[in-house]
Protein backbone atom coordinates (compact mmCIF):
# COMPACT_ATOMS: atom_id res chain seq x y z
CA UNK A 1 0.00 0.00 0.00
CA UNK A 2 2.93 2.35 0.61
CA UNK A 3 4.02 2.20 -3.01
CA UNK A 4 0.59 2.99 -4.44
CA UNK A 5 0.29 5.91 -2.02
CA UNK A 6 3.56 7.29 -3.35
CA UNK A 7 2.31 6.90 -6.91
CA UNK A 8 -0.88 8.83 -6.18
CA UNK A 9 1.11 11.59 -4.47
CA UNK A 10 3.41 11.70 -7.48
CA UNK A 11 0.47 12.09 -9.88
CA UNK A 12 -1.10 14.79 -7.70
CA UNK A 13 2.20 16.66 -7.54
CA UNK A 14 2.51 16.68 -11.35
CA UNK A 15 -1.15 17.72 -11.69
CA UNK A 16 -0.73 20.55 -9.16
CA UNK A 17 2.28 21.90 -11.04
CA UNK A 18 0.33 21.72 -14.30
CA UNK A 19 -2.67 23.57 -12.86
CA UNK A 20 -0.47 26.25 -11.30
CA UNK A 21 1.45 26.79 -14.54
CA UNK A 22 -1.80 26.94 -16.55
CA UNK A 23 -3.30 29.57 -14.23
CA UNK A 24 -0.11 31.66 -14.27
CA UNK A 25 0.06 31.33 -18.04
CA UNK A 26 -3.50 32.58 -18.48
CA UNK A 27 -2.97 35.49 -16.09
CA UNK A 28 0.19 36.57 -17.88
CA UNK A 29 -1.31 36.22 -21.36
CA UNK A 30 -4.38 38.27 -20.39
CA UNK A 31 -2.15 41.00 -18.98
CA UNK A 32 -0.20 41.18 -22.25
CA UNK A 33 2.99 39.47 -21.10
CA UNK A 34 3.20 36.64 -23.60
CA UNK A 35 6.98 36.24 -23.30
CA UNK A 36 6.79 35.80 -19.54
CA UNK A 37 3.89 33.38 -19.97
CA UNK A 38 6.02 31.28 -22.33
CA UNK A 39 8.93 31.31 -19.86
CA UNK A 40 6.59 30.25 -17.04
CA UNK A 41 5.33 27.36 -19.15
CA UNK A 42 8.88 26.30 -20.00
CA UNK A 43 9.92 26.51 -16.35
CA UNK A 44 6.98 24.30 -15.36
CA UNK A 45 7.92 21.81 -18.05
CA UNK A 46 11.52 21.71 -16.85
CA UNK A 47 10.42 21.13 -13.24
CA UNK A 48 8.14 18.25 -14.26
CA UNK A 49 10.87 16.73 -16.45
CA UNK A 50 13.35 16.92 -13.57
CA UNK A 51 10.88 15.09 -11.32
CA UNK A 52 10.31 12.45 -14.02
CA UNK A 53 14.03 11.96 -14.61
CA UNK A 54 14.53 11.38 -10.89
CA UNK A 55 11.76 8.75 -10.86
CA UNK A 56 13.15 7.04 -13.98
CA UNK A 57 16.58 6.98 -12.34
CA UNK A 58 15.05 5.28 -9.30
CA UNK A 59 13.42 2.74 -11.63
CA UNK A 60 16.73 1.94 -13.33
CA UNK A 61 18.43 1.55 -9.93
CA UNK A 62 15.70 -0.89 -8.92
CA UNK A 63 16.12 -2.88 -12.12
CA UNK A 64 19.89 -2.87 -11.66
CA UNK A 65 19.46 -4.15 -8.09
CA UNK A 66 17.01 -6.85 -9.19
CA UNK A 67 19.31 -8.20 -11.86
CA UNK A 68 22.51 -7.48 -9.83
CA UNK A 69 24.50 -5.80 -12.59
C-alpha atoms as a PDB file:
ATOM      1  CA  UNK A   1       0.000   0.000   0.000  1.00  0.00           C
ATOM      2  CA  UNK A   2       2.928   2.347   0.612  1.00  0.00           C
ATOM      3  CA  UNK A   3       4.023   2.198  -3.012  1.00  0.00           C
ATOM      4  CA  UNK A   4       0.586   2.987  -4.435  1.00  0.00           C
ATOM      5  CA  UNK A   5       0.290   5.914  -2.016  1.00  0.00           C
ATOM      6  CA  UNK A   6       3.564   7.293  -3.352  1.00  0.00           C
ATOM      7  CA  UNK A   7       2.313   6.899  -6.909  1.00  0.00           C
ATOM      8  CA  UNK A   8      -0.883   8.826  -6.183  1.00  0.00           C
ATOM      9  CA  UNK A   9       1.106  11.592  -4.468  1.00  0.00           C
ATOM     10  CA  UNK A  10       3.413  11.695  -7.479  1.00  0.00           C
ATOM     11  CA  UNK A  11       0.471  12.089  -9.877  1.00  0.00           C
ATOM     12  CA  UNK A  12      -1.103  14.791  -7.696  1.00  0.00           C
ATOM     13  CA  UNK A  13       2.202  16.662  -7.541  1.00  0.00           C
ATOM     14  CA  UNK A  14       2.513  16.679 -11.347  1.00  0.00           C
ATOM     15  CA  UNK A  15      -1.148  17.721 -11.691  1.00  0.00           C
ATOM     16  CA  UNK A  16      -0.728  20.550  -9.165  1.00  0.00           C
ATOM     17  CA  UNK A  17       2.279  21.896 -11.045  1.00  0.00           C
ATOM     18  CA  UNK A  18       0.330  21.721 -14.301  1.00  0.00           C
ATOM     19  CA  UNK A  19      -2.669  23.567 -12.857  1.00  0.00           C
ATOM     20  CA  UNK A  20      -0.472  26.246 -11.297  1.00  0.00           C
ATOM     21  CA  UNK A  21       1.445  26.786 -14.541  1.00  0.00           C
ATOM     22  CA  UNK A  22      -1.795  26.942 -16.546  1.00  0.00           C
ATOM     23  CA  UNK A  23      -3.300  29.570 -14.227  1.00  0.00           C
ATOM     24  CA  UNK A  24      -0.114  31.659 -14.269  1.00  0.00           C
ATOM     25  CA  UNK A  25       0.061  31.333 -18.045  1.00  0.00           C
ATOM     26  CA  UNK A  26      -3.504  32.583 -18.478  1.00  0.00           C
ATOM     27  CA  UNK A  27      -2.967  35.492 -16.093  1.00  0.00           C
ATOM     28  CA  UNK A  28       0.187  36.569 -17.880  1.00  0.00           C
ATOM     29  CA  UNK A  29      -1.313  36.224 -21.364  1.00  0.00           C
ATOM     30  CA  UNK A  30      -4.384  38.272 -20.390  1.00  0.00           C
ATOM     31  CA  UNK A  31      -2.154  41.004 -18.982  1.00  0.00           C
ATOM     32  CA  UNK A  32      -0.202  41.175 -22.255  1.00  0.00           C
ATOM     33  CA  UNK A  33       2.985  39.470 -21.096  1.00  0.00           C
ATOM     34  CA  UNK A  34       3.200  36.645 -23.596  1.00  0.00           C
ATOM     35  CA  UNK A  35       6.977  36.241 -23.299  1.00  0.00           C
ATOM     36  CA  UNK A  36       6.789  35.797 -19.535  1.00  0.00           C
ATOM     37  CA  UNK A  37       3.885  33.379 -19.973  1.00  0.00           C
ATOM     38  CA  UNK A  38       6.020  31.282 -22.329  1.00  0.00           C
ATOM     39  CA  UNK A  39       8.926  31.312 -19.859  1.00  0.00           C
ATOM     40  CA  UNK A  40       6.588  30.251 -17.043  1.00  0.00           C
ATOM     41  CA  UNK A  41       5.331  27.356 -19.153  1.00  0.00           C
ATOM     42  CA  UNK A  42       8.881  26.300 -20.004  1.00  0.00           C
ATOM     43  CA  UNK A  43       9.921  26.510 -16.351  1.00  0.00           C
ATOM     44  CA  UNK A  44       6.983  24.300 -15.359  1.00  0.00           C
ATOM     45  CA  UNK A  45       7.916  21.805 -18.052  1.00  0.00           C
ATOM     46  CA  UNK A  46      11.522  21.714 -16.846  1.00  0.00           C
ATOM     47  CA  UNK A  47      10.417  21.130 -13.242  1.00  0.00           C
ATOM     48  CA  UNK A  48       8.138  18.255 -14.265  1.00  0.00           C
ATOM     49  CA  UNK A  49      10.866  16.730 -16.452  1.00  0.00           C
ATOM     50  CA  UNK A  50      13.346  16.920 -13.567  1.00  0.00           C
ATOM     51  CA  UNK A  51      10.882  15.087 -11.325  1.00  0.00           C
ATOM     52  CA  UNK A  52      10.309  12.448 -14.019  1.00  0.00           C
ATOM     53  CA  UNK A  53      14.032  11.962 -14.611  1.00  0.00           C
ATOM     54  CA  UNK A  54      14.529  11.379 -10.887  1.00  0.00           C
ATOM     55  CA  UNK A  55      11.758   8.748 -10.863  1.00  0.00           C
ATOM     56  CA  UNK A  56      13.147   7.044 -13.979  1.00  0.00           C
ATOM     57  CA  UNK A  57      16.579   6.979 -12.344  1.00  0.00           C
ATOM     58  CA  UNK A  58      15.049   5.277  -9.304  1.00  0.00           C
ATOM     59  CA  UNK A  59      13.418   2.736 -11.630  1.00  0.00           C
ATOM     60  CA  UNK A  60      16.730   1.941 -13.325  1.00  0.00           C
ATOM     61  CA  UNK A  61      18.428   1.553  -9.935  1.00  0.00           C
ATOM     62  CA  UNK A  62      15.696  -0.892  -8.915  1.00  0.00           C
ATOM     63  CA  UNK A  63      16.123  -2.883 -12.120  1.00  0.00           C
ATOM     64  CA  UNK A  64      19.894  -2.871 -11.656  1.00  0.00           C
ATOM     65  CA  UNK A  65      19.458  -4.151  -8.095  1.00  0.00           C
ATOM     66  CA  UNK A  66      17.008  -6.855  -9.186  1.00  0.00           C
ATOM     67  CA  UNK A  67      19.313  -8.205 -11.856  1.00  0.00           C
ATOM     68  CA  UNK A  68      22.511  -7.476  -9.834  1.00  0.00           C
ATOM     69  CA  UNK A  69      24.500  -5.801 -12.595  1.00  0.00           C
END
